[in-house]
């Protein structure tokens, strides 16, 4: 599990970027997309 202080710092940074419009300035184009591939992959393996 990640260190809670690291998570808190990330959440606070995101909240600030959302509040001041910085996130939207960098990533606002995402809102216009009809689909997006974020690269999430699930790999499952069995090792004998």
C-alpha atoms as a PDB file:
ATOM      1  CA  UNK A   1       0.000   0.000   0.000  1.00  0.00           C
ATOM      2  CA  UNK A   2       1.233   3.483  -0.793  1.00  0.00           C
ATOM      3  CA  UNK A   3       2.352   5.876   1.909  1.00  0.00           C
ATOM      4  CA  UNK A   4      -0.700   7.912   2.987  1.00  0.00           C
ATOM      5  CA  UNK A   5       1.283  11.155   2.967  1.00  0.00           C
ATOM      6  CA  UNK A   6       2.189  10.582  -0.698  1.00  0.00           C
ATOM      7  CA  UNK A   7      -1.463   9.919  -1.547  1.00  0.00           C
ATOM      8  CA  UNK A   8      -2.561  13.019   0.367  1.00  0.00           C
ATOM      9  CA  UNK A   9       0.004  15.156  -1.463  1.00  0.00           C
ATOM     10  CA  UNK A  10      -1.217  13.859  -4.837  1.00  0.00           C
ATOM     11  CA  UNK A  11      -4.883  14.433  -3.982  1.00  0.00           C
ATOM     12  CA  UNK A  12      -4.130  17.954  -2.750  1.00  0.00           C
ATOM     13  CA  UNK A  13      -2.166  18.721  -5.899  1.00  0.00           C
ATOM     14  CA  UNK A  14      -4.985  17.440  -8.107  1.00  0.00           C
ATOM     15  CA  UNK A  15      -7.571  19.426  -6.132  1.00  0.00           C
ATOM     16  CA  UNK A  16      -5.524  22.607  -6.570  1.00  0.00           C
ATOM     17  CA  UNK A  17      -5.089  22.000 -10.320  1.00  0.00           C
ATOM     18  CA  UNK A  18      -8.840  21.393 -10.713  1.00  0.00           C
ATOM     19  CA  UNK A  19      -9.697  24.515  -8.694  1.00  0.00           C
ATOM     20  CA  UNK A  20      -7.393  26.902 -10.544  1.00  0.00           C
ATOM     21  CA  UNK A  21      -8.009  25.534 -14.048  1.00  0.00           C
ATOM     22  CA  UNK A  22      -4.491  24.203 -14.545  1.00  0.00           C
ATOM     23  CA  UNK A  23      -5.721  20.628 -15.079  1.00  0.00           C
ATOM     24  CA  UNK A  24      -8.259  21.766 -17.672  1.00  0.00           C
ATOM     25  CA  UNK A  25      -5.624  23.838 -19.487  1.00  0.00           C
ATOM     26  CA  UNK A  26      -3.365  20.787 -19.792  1.00  0.00           C
ATOM     27  CA  UNK A  27      -5.899  17.997 -20.268  1.00  0.00           C
ATOM     28  CA  UNK A  28      -9.230  19.648 -21.150  1.00  0.00           C
ATOM     29  CA  UNK A  29      -9.163  18.182 -24.658  1.00  0.00           C
ATOM     30  CA  UNK A  30      -9.891  14.787 -23.079  1.00  0.00           C
ATOM     31  CA  UNK A  31     -13.455  15.972 -22.437  1.00  0.00           C
ATOM     32  CA  UNK A  32     -14.060  16.216 -26.197  1.00  0.00           C
ATOM     33  CA  UNK A  33     -13.036  12.616 -26.931  1.00  0.00           C
ATOM     34  CA  UNK A  34     -15.714  10.019 -27.592  1.00  0.00           C
ATOM     35  CA  UNK A  35     -13.378   7.194 -26.554  1.00  0.00           C
ATOM     36  CA  UNK A  36      -9.928   6.842 -25.029  1.00  0.00           C
ATOM     37  CA  UNK A  37      -7.427   4.029 -24.469  1.00  0.00           C
ATOM     38  CA  UNK A  38      -5.675   4.711 -21.187  1.00  0.00           C
ATOM     39  CA  UNK A  39      -3.471   1.678 -21.531  1.00  0.00           C
ATOM     40  CA  UNK A  40      -4.953  -0.245 -18.613  1.00  0.00           C
ATOM     41  CA  UNK A  41      -4.080  -3.891 -18.964  1.00  0.00           C
ATOM     42  CA  UNK A  42      -4.720  -6.882 -16.755  1.00  0.00           C
ATOM     43  CA  UNK A  43      -2.279  -9.754 -17.020  1.00  0.00           C
ATOM     44  CA  UNK A  44      -2.936 -13.029 -15.285  1.00  0.00           C
ATOM     45  CA  UNK A  45      -0.475 -15.892 -15.209  1.00  0.00           C
ATOM     46  CA  UNK A  46      -0.141 -19.206 -13.469  1.00  0.00           C
ATOM     47  CA  UNK A  47       3.334 -20.443 -12.704  1.00  0.00           C
ATOM     48  CA  UNK A  48       3.751 -24.132 -12.045  1.00  0.00           C
END
